[in-house]
Protein backbone atom coordinates (compact mmCIF):
# COMPACT_ATOMS: atom_id res chain seq x y z
CA MET A 1 81.97 -2.35 121.51
CA LEU A 2 85.55 -3.82 120.69
CA ILE A 3 86.59 -5.83 117.95
CA ASN A 4 89.68 -8.20 119.22
CA LEU A 5 92.91 -6.68 117.79
CA GLN A 6 96.82 -6.02 118.77
CA ALA A 7 98.97 -4.05 117.29
CA ILE A 8 101.23 -5.84 115.32
CA SER A 9 105.22 -4.82 115.21
CA TYR A 10 107.03 -5.35 111.56
CA GLU A 11 109.33 -3.48 109.52
CA PHE A 12 107.37 -0.94 107.90
CA ASN A 13 107.94 2.08 106.45
CA ASP A 14 105.21 4.48 107.95
CA CYS A 15 102.13 4.51 110.58
CA PHE A 16 99.52 3.54 107.67
CA GLN A 17 101.66 0.56 106.61
CA GLY A 18 101.87 -0.57 110.18
CA ASP A 19 98.03 -0.24 110.33
CA VAL A 20 97.07 -1.92 107.42
CA HIS A 21 99.18 -4.62 108.16
CA THR A 22 97.65 -5.16 111.80
CA ILE A 23 94.35 -5.26 110.09
CA VAL A 24 95.23 -7.66 107.44
CA GLU A 25 97.51 -10.18 109.56
CA GLY A 26 95.54 -9.46 113.21
CA ILE A 27 91.81 -9.85 111.73
CA TYR A 28 92.12 -11.94 108.66
CA GLY A 29 95.38 -13.82 109.70
CA LYS A 30 96.74 -13.05 106.19
CA LYS A 31 100.47 -12.54 106.15
CA TYR A 32 100.81 -8.85 104.10
CA THR A 33 103.79 -6.80 103.09
CA HIS A 34 103.26 -3.85 101.66
CA SER A 35 105.13 -3.75 97.89
CA GLN A 36 106.52 -0.39 97.91
CA MET A 37 107.81 2.34 100.38
CA ILE A 38 105.30 5.23 100.93
CA ARG A 39 107.25 8.42 100.27
CA TRP A 40 105.69 11.47 101.84
CA GLY A 41 107.07 14.85 101.02
CA TYR A 42 108.11 16.19 104.28
CA SER A 43 111.64 14.27 104.30
CA TYR A 44 115.13 14.52 102.86
CA ASP A 45 114.88 14.38 98.83
CA MET A 46 112.19 11.73 98.74
CA GLU A 47 109.76 12.07 95.93
CA ILE A 48 106.13 13.03 97.00
CA ILE A 49 103.38 9.92 96.41
CA ASP A 50 101.23 10.05 94.04
CA GLU A 51 98.12 9.23 96.60
CA GLU A 52 95.53 7.62 93.99
CA GLU A 53 98.41 5.63 92.47
CA GLU A 54 98.91 4.59 96.26
CA GLU A 55 95.52 3.62 96.86
CA THR A 56 95.12 1.67 93.77
CA ARG A 57 98.39 -0.38 94.53
CA LEU A 58 96.79 -0.86 98.14
CA SER A 59 93.19 -1.96 96.77
CA LYS A 60 95.21 -4.39 94.12
CA GLU A 61 97.54 -6.09 97.03
CA LEU A 62 94.63 -6.39 99.39
CA ALA A 63 92.59 -7.82 96.38
CA GLN A 64 95.20 -10.40 95.77
CA LEU A 65 94.33 -11.41 99.72
CA GLY A 66 90.83 -11.48 98.96
CA LEU A 67 89.99 -7.91 101.11
CA ARG A 68 89.07 -4.91 100.22
CA SER A 69 89.48 -1.05 101.00
CA LYS A 70 87.57 1.89 100.68
CA LYS A 71 88.53 5.85 101.11
CA LEU A 72 85.68 7.97 102.96
CA ALA A 73 86.10 11.54 103.47
CA PHE A 74 83.61 13.44 105.42
CA SER A 75 83.15 17.13 105.97
CA ASP A 76 81.11 16.59 108.91
CA SER A 77 82.53 15.62 112.27
CA GLN A 78 79.29 13.70 113.53
CA VAL A 79 78.93 12.13 110.14
CA THR A 80 82.49 10.62 110.54
CA ILE A 81 82.25 9.61 113.98
CA ASP A 82 78.86 8.00 113.29
CA HIS A 83 80.34 6.03 110.30
CA ILE A 84 83.28 4.88 112.16
CA LYS A 85 80.85 3.65 115.02
CA GLN A 86 78.85 1.74 112.57
CA GLU A 87 81.88 0.16 110.91
CA ILE A 88 82.94 -0.99 113.90
CA ARG A 89 79.46 -2.70 114.62
CA ASN A 90 79.79 -4.45 111.38
CA GLY A 91 83.03 -6.10 112.47
CA ILE A 92 85.05 -3.85 110.43
CA PRO A 93 88.06 -1.44 112.00
CA VAL A 94 88.80 2.04 110.80
CA ILE A 95 92.41 3.20 109.87
CA THR A 96 92.08 7.11 110.23
CA TRP A 97 94.18 9.96 110.53
CA ILE A 98 94.37 12.56 113.58
CA PRO A 99 97.01 15.40 113.95
CA ILE A 100 99.59 13.78 115.49
CA THR A 101 99.54 16.47 118.42
CA ASN A 102 96.00 14.52 119.36
CA CYS A 103 98.08 11.17 120.07
CA PRO A 104 98.92 11.00 123.77
CA TRP A 105 101.74 8.65 123.25
CA ASP A 106 103.43 10.37 120.50
CA PRO A 107 106.18 12.66 121.91
CA ASN A 108 104.52 16.05 120.05
CA TYR A 109 101.32 15.38 122.28
CA GLU A 110 99.70 19.14 122.47
CA LYS A 111 102.76 20.83 121.08
CA GLU A 112 102.65 22.89 118.07
CA PHE A 113 103.13 20.72 115.15
CA GLU A 114 101.54 20.14 111.94
CA MET A 115 101.67 16.36 110.67
CA LEU A 116 98.89 13.67 110.71
CA HIS A 117 99.05 10.45 112.11
CA SER A 118 97.17 6.95 111.12
CA ILE A 119 95.57 4.66 113.84
CA VAL A 120 93.02 2.05 113.71
CA VAL A 121 89.89 2.47 115.39
CA HIS A 122 88.67 -0.89 116.31
CA GLY A 123 86.09 -0.21 119.12
CA PHE A 124 84.13 2.38 121.27
CA ASP A 125 82.23 2.95 124.52
CA GLU A 126 79.62 5.45 124.36
CA ASP A 127 79.34 5.69 127.82
CA LYS A 128 82.77 6.95 128.44
CA ASN A 129 82.55 8.64 124.92
CA VAL A 130 86.04 7.31 123.72
CA PHE A 131 87.12 5.08 120.34
CA TYR A 132 89.68 2.47 121.32
CA CYS A 133 92.60 2.37 119.13
CA CYS A 134 95.75 0.75 118.00
CA ASP A 135 99.12 2.08 116.67
CA ALA A 136 101.48 -0.34 115.05
CA THR A 137 104.23 2.68 115.09
CA TYR A 138 103.95 2.98 119.03
CA GLN A 139 102.64 -0.66 119.64
CA LYS A 140 99.70 0.25 121.60
CA SER A 141 96.72 -1.75 121.43
CA SER A 142 93.02 -0.82 122.68
CA GLU A 143 94.16 2.58 123.95
CA PRO A 144 91.42 5.00 124.51
CA LEU A 145 91.09 8.13 122.95
CA THR A 146 88.27 10.42 123.69
CA ILE A 147 86.12 10.92 120.62
CA ARG A 148 86.36 14.78 120.56
CA LEU A 149 89.73 14.13 119.10
CA PHE A 150 88.06 12.82 115.96
CA GLU A 151 86.04 16.20 115.56
CA ILE A 152 86.92 17.99 112.14
């Protein structure tokens, strides 16, 4: 099962913004620019974001385009994987976070480094046991990642 989606490049500030842009423009054909830079706490003297405030702003911005988002967190790997598959069956791509060291196209792949990276899961193949992913940061589309990388 695969939702047709290509990573879309634009001037974005982080991987999550790029993924949101990929979905909004790639699936829904709507122009979207995140209204404010997301500032994480690991770089320079940037202020740490308030995640709840950021989610509220994102939800409002998407609502103005006639779209909605929801944040889900699961503590069980199989529930997470099953949920991603069900969303894809429903035609809804999923933005998810994985350790950057699980991302084969990132320079930190399989290194001792702790940081999360967001990608868009837009398909899966149960026979091959893979999810198909887009990554706006690295301009990757329909890249297969083994489902085991999504286990908590």
